[in-house]
Amino acid sequence: MPTSQVEDQAQSLSALATQYLASHGYGTSDVTTIVQIYRQARNNDQFILDLARCGMSIAEAKILLVLIAQHDQ
């Protein structure tokens, strides 16, 4: 899978989160789900728990959230 498609979809998260997702082999459907969960989450805890429900480890979801937060700084 070309990483450019993943990178295009993940741009709204942050540059670091985009690189993380592309380098760890996440596909476009995975990234679409992650972006939707991020947009719909009421808070950080909900984001982490919703990703965990989809199969992502809690530790990885927390790291991803830190990378996304870099976008807001």
C-alpha atoms as a PDB file:
ATOM      1  CA  MET A   1       0.000   0.000   0.000  1.00  0.00           C
ATOM      2  CA  PRO A   2       1.427   3.378  -0.934  1.00  0.00           C
ATOM      3  CA  THR A   3       2.107   5.417   2.167  1.00  0.00           C
ATOM      4  CA  SER A   4       1.102   8.598   0.330  1.00  0.00           C
ATOM      5  CA  GLN A   5      -2.584   7.643   0.621  1.00  0.00           C
ATOM      6  CA  VAL A   6      -2.199   7.030   4.338  1.00  0.00           C
ATOM      7  CA  GLU A   7      -0.296  10.285   4.730  1.00  0.00           C
ATOM      8  CA  ASP A   8      -3.012  12.209   2.880  1.00  0.00           C
ATOM      9  CA  GLN A   9      -5.721  10.796   5.139  1.00  0.00           C
ATOM     10  CA  ALA A  10      -3.807  11.348   8.384  1.00  0.00           C
ATOM     11  CA  GLN A  11      -2.766  14.956   7.732  1.00  0.00           C
ATOM     12  CA  SER A  12      -5.513  16.334   9.944  1.00  0.00           C
ATOM     13  CA  LEU A  13      -3.941  14.630  12.981  1.00  0.00           C
ATOM     14  CA  SER A  14      -0.357  15.964  12.877  1.00  0.00           C
ATOM     15  CA  ALA A  15       2.834  15.478  10.906  1.00  0.00           C
ATOM     16  CA  LEU A  16       4.286  13.213  13.602  1.00  0.00           C
ATOM     17  CA  ALA A  17       1.122  11.113  13.887  1.00  0.00           C
ATOM     18  CA  THR A  18       1.033  10.826  10.097  1.00  0.00           C
ATOM     19  CA  GLN A  19       4.622   9.561  10.006  1.00  0.00           C
ATOM     20  CA  TYR A  20       3.923   7.167  12.861  1.00  0.00           C
ATOM     21  CA  LEU A  21       0.864   5.637  11.217  1.00  0.00           C
ATOM     22  CA  ALA A  22       2.528   5.319   7.815  1.00  0.00           C
ATOM     23  CA  SER A  23       5.735   3.817   9.193  1.00  0.00           C
ATOM     24  CA  HIS A  24       3.854   1.289  11.326  1.00  0.00           C
ATOM     25  CA  GLY A  25       1.918  -0.058   8.353  1.00  0.00           C
ATOM     26  CA  TYR A  26      -1.534   1.307   9.058  1.00  0.00           C
ATOM     27  CA  GLY A  27      -3.781   1.160   6.015  1.00  0.00           C
ATOM     28  CA  THR A  28      -6.208   3.735   4.708  1.00  0.00           C
ATOM     29  CA  SER A  29      -9.234   2.137   6.359  1.00  0.00           C
ATOM     30  CA  ASP A  30      -7.377   2.082   9.697  1.00  0.00           C
ATOM     31  CA  VAL A  31      -6.457   5.742   9.376  1.00  0.00           C
ATOM     32  CA  THR A  32     -10.005   6.672   8.394  1.00  0.00           C
ATOM     33  CA  THR A  33     -11.257   4.971  11.551  1.00  0.00           C
ATOM     34  CA  ILE A  34      -8.625   6.677  13.718  1.00  0.00           C
ATOM     35  CA  VAL A  35      -9.444  10.122  12.294  1.00  0.00           C
ATOM     36  CA  GLN A  36     -13.191   9.563  12.790  1.00  0.00           C
ATOM     37  CA  ILE A  37     -12.675   8.417  16.371  1.00  0.00           C
ATOM     38  CA  TYR A  38     -10.456  11.432  17.072  1.00  0.00           C
ATOM     39  CA  ARG A  39     -13.021  13.860  15.670  1.00  0.00           C
ATOM     40  CA  GLN A  40     -15.914  12.285  17.576  1.00  0.00           C
ATOM     41  CA  ALA A  41     -14.169  11.757  20.914  1.00  0.00           C
ATOM     42  CA  ARG A  42     -15.426  14.000  23.696  1.00  0.00           C
ATOM     43  CA  ASN A  43     -12.086  13.806  25.495  1.00  0.00           C
ATOM     44  CA  ASN A  44      -8.699  12.091  25.462  1.00  0.00           C
ATOM     45  CA  ASP A  45      -9.838   9.147  27.569  1.00  0.00           C
ATOM     46  CA  GLN A  46     -12.675   8.392  25.197  1.00  0.00           C
ATOM     47  CA  PHE A  47     -10.289   8.551  22.226  1.00  0.00           C
ATOM     48  CA  ILE A  48      -7.951   6.058  23.868  1.00  0.00           C
ATOM     49  CA  LEU A  49     -10.732   3.695  24.921  1.00  0.00           C
ATOM     50  CA  ASP A  50     -12.432   3.803  21.525  1.00  0.00           C
ATOM     51  CA  LEU A  51      -9.151   2.910  19.809  1.00  0.00           C
ATOM     52  CA  ALA A  52      -8.654   0.094  22.319  1.00  0.00           C
ATOM     53  CA  ARG A  53     -12.100  -1.233  21.435  1.00  0.00           C
ATOM     54  CA  CYS A  54     -10.924  -1.359  17.817  1.00  0.00           C
ATOM     55  CA  GLY A  55      -7.897  -3.427  18.805  1.00  0.00           C
ATOM     56  CA  MET A  56      -5.151  -0.880  19.401  1.00  0.00           C
ATOM     57  CA  SER A  57      -3.215  -1.302  22.612  1.00  0.00           C
ATOM     58  CA  ILE A  58      -3.838   1.395  25.221  1.00  0.00           C
ATOM     59  CA  ALA A  59      -0.124   2.235  25.312  1.00  0.00           C
ATOM     60  CA  GLU A  60      -0.049   2.754  21.543  1.00  0.00           C
ATOM     61  CA  ALA A  61      -3.208   4.874  21.638  1.00  0.00           C
ATOM     62  CA  LYS A  62      -1.606   7.065  24.320  1.00  0.00           C
ATOM     63  CA  ILE A  63       1.532   7.510  22.209  1.00  0.00           C
ATOM     64  CA  LEU A  64      -0.586   8.394  19.189  1.00  0.00           C
ATOM     65  CA  LEU A  65      -2.446  10.973  21.262  1.00  0.00           C
ATOM     66  CA  VAL A  66       0.857  12.568  22.328  1.00  0.00           C
ATOM     67  CA  LEU A  67       1.887  12.781  18.668  1.00  0.00           C
ATOM     68  CA  ILE A  68      -1.446  14.332  17.715  1.00  0.00           C
ATOM     69  CA  ALA A  69      -1.125  16.850  20.556  1.00  0.00           C
ATOM     70  CA  GLN A  70       2.134  18.085  19.024  1.00  0.00           C
ATOM     71  CA  HIS A  71      -0.020  19.563  16.267  1.00  0.00           C
ATOM     72  CA  ASP A  72      -1.776  21.831  18.767  1.00  0.00           C
ATOM     73  CA  GLN A  73       1.410  23.271  20.259  1.00  0.00           C
END
